[in-house]
C-alpha cells in the first residue's frame, strides 16, 4: 500500500472506451464479448459488461484505445460486482502478460 492507502502500483485514470474480451480457456465457438473500459492503468483496468465472470478468470482482452490500433493482452479478473437493475457487471482486472508495445500504447493513453 502507498501513503494514500492505495494497493495499486499504478494509479488508475478515468477513461471510457470500448473493449472486447474472451474467457480462457476458449470453449466452443464463443467469440469475443463486448464491454466498456471505465478506468485504466499500466497494470489493470475496470470494465463494464453484460455477462458475468468469475473472479480469477483468465481473459484475452482487446482494448480499442482511442488513437491506437486495437491492443491485445492477457488478463485476470480480480473482482466481479453485479450492477443494480439490468445494468450488467463491473469487473476489476489486472494485466498478466503484456507486450512492450501494449504497455506503451496504454502508457500514452494514461499519460505515463
Protein backbone atom coordinates (compact mmCIF):
# COMPACT_ATOMS: atom_id res chain seq x y z
CA UNK A 1 0.00 0.00 0.00
CA UNK A 2 1.15 3.51 -0.71
CA UNK A 3 0.78 6.53 1.58
CA UNK A 4 -2.83 7.06 0.40
CA UNK A 5 -3.86 3.50 1.32
CA UNK A 6 -3.93 2.51 -2.37
CA UNK A 7 -2.87 -1.06 -3.11
CA UNK A 8 -2.32 -0.50 -6.82
CA UNK A 9 1.21 0.05 -8.12
CA UNK A 10 -0.04 2.33 -10.92
CA UNK A 11 -2.81 4.89 -10.42
CA UNK A 12 -5.94 4.38 -12.48
CA UNK A 13 -7.12 7.10 -14.84
CA UNK A 14 -10.81 7.50 -15.70
CA UNK A 15 -11.17 6.60 -19.36
CA UNK A 16 -14.20 5.30 -21.24
CA UNK A 17 -13.79 3.40 -24.50
CA UNK A 18 -14.93 0.09 -26.00
CA UNK A 19 -13.21 -3.22 -25.47
CA UNK A 20 -13.78 -6.90 -26.12
CA UNK A 21 -12.83 -9.97 -24.12
CA UNK A 22 -12.80 -13.74 -24.29
CA UNK A 23 -12.74 -16.06 -21.30
CA UNK A 24 -9.83 -18.52 -21.24
CA UNK A 25 -9.90 -21.39 -21.97
CA UNK A 26 -11.89 -20.54 -25.06
CA UNK A 27 -14.61 -23.14 -25.41
CA UNK A 28 -16.69 -23.84 -28.49
CA UNK A 29 -17.45 -21.10 -30.97
CA UNK A 30 -17.95 -18.37 -28.39
CA UNK A 31 -16.44 -15.25 -29.84
CA UNK A 32 -15.50 -12.04 -28.17
CA UNK A 33 -17.91 -10.40 -25.75
CA UNK A 34 -18.37 -6.64 -25.72
CA UNK A 35 -17.63 -4.33 -22.81
CA UNK A 36 -16.59 -0.77 -21.96
CA UNK A 37 -13.47 0.25 -20.12
CA UNK A 38 -14.24 2.63 -17.22
CA UNK A 39 -10.72 3.22 -15.91
CA UNK A 40 -7.26 2.09 -16.85
CA UNK A 41 -3.68 1.94 -15.60
CA UNK A 42 -0.47 0.32 -16.78
CA UNK A 43 -1.26 -2.66 -14.56
CA UNK A 44 -5.03 -3.12 -14.85
CA UNK A 45 -8.48 -1.89 -15.70
CA UNK A 46 -12.10 -1.72 -14.62
CA UNK A 47 -14.74 -2.52 -17.20
CA UNK A 48 -18.49 -2.96 -17.51
CA UNK A 49 -20.04 -5.90 -19.36
CA UNK A 50 -23.33 -7.75 -19.63
CA UNK A 51 -22.05 -11.27 -18.96
CA UNK A 52 -20.97 -12.41 -15.53
CA UNK A 53 -17.40 -13.57 -14.95
CA UNK A 54 -15.75 -15.46 -12.13
CA UNK A 55 -13.02 -13.91 -10.01
CA UNK A 56 -9.56 -15.09 -11.14
CA UNK A 57 -10.88 -15.99 -14.61
CA UNK A 58 -8.32 -15.75 -17.38
CA UNK A 59 -9.14 -13.27 -20.13
CA UNK A 60 -7.92 -12.38 -23.57
CA UNK A 61 -8.50 -8.61 -23.71
CA UNK A 62 -8.76 -6.44 -26.81
CA UNK A 63 -8.75 -2.75 -25.95
CA UNK A 64 -9.94 -0.30 -28.58
CA UNK A 65 -7.86 2.58 -27.22
CA UNK A 66 -8.68 5.88 -29.00
CA UNK A 67 -5.93 6.91 -31.40
CA UNK A 68 -4.26 3.48 -31.30
CA UNK A 69 -4.59 0.22 -33.15
CA UNK A 70 -6.55 -2.30 -31.02
CA UNK A 71 -4.20 -3.76 -28.42
CA UNK A 72 -4.40 -7.30 -27.05
CA UNK A 73 -3.24 -8.56 -23.70
CA UNK A 74 -3.89 -11.40 -21.33
CA UNK A 75 -5.52 -10.55 -18.03
CA UNK A 76 -7.17 -12.00 -14.96
CA UNK A 77 -10.27 -10.84 -13.11
CA UNK A 78 -9.61 -9.60 -9.58
CA UNK A 79 -13.24 -8.98 -8.60
CA UNK A 80 -16.72 -9.02 -10.13
CA UNK A 81 -19.67 -6.93 -8.94
CA UNK A 82 -23.25 -7.15 -10.21
CA UNK A 83 -24.68 -3.73 -11.02
CA UNK A 84 -28.21 -2.73 -9.97
CA UNK A 85 -31.13 -3.49 -12.26
CA UNK A 86 -30.14 -4.94 -15.59
CA UNK A 87 -27.01 -2.83 -15.99
CA UNK A 88 -24.72 -5.87 -16.10
CA UNK A 89 -21.48 -6.35 -14.22
CA UNK A 90 -18.46 -4.32 -13.26
CA UNK A 91 -15.15 -6.17 -13.37
CA UNK A 92 -11.76 -5.26 -11.97
CA UNK A 93 -8.83 -6.91 -13.69
CA UNK A 94 -5.10 -6.91 -13.94
CA UNK A 95 -2.87 -7.44 -16.93
CA UNK A 96 -0.96 -10.70 -16.73
CA UNK A 97 1.10 -10.83 -19.90
CA UNK A 98 1.67 -7.56 -21.66
CA UNK A 99 3.94 -6.87 -24.60
CA UNK A 100 6.12 -3.77 -24.64
CA UNK A 101 4.01 -2.34 -27.49
CA UNK A 102 0.78 -2.78 -25.49
CA UNK A 103 2.33 -1.23 -22.38
CA UNK A 104 3.50 1.77 -24.46
CA UNK A 105 0.05 2.22 -26.07
CA UNK A 106 -1.65 2.16 -22.67
CA UNK A 107 1.01 4.46 -21.23
CA UNK A 108 0.36 7.03 -23.96
CA UNK A 109 -3.35 6.90 -23.17
CA UNK A 110 -2.98 7.27 -19.38
CA UNK A 111 -0.27 9.93 -19.68
CA UNK A 112 2.72 7.99 -18.41
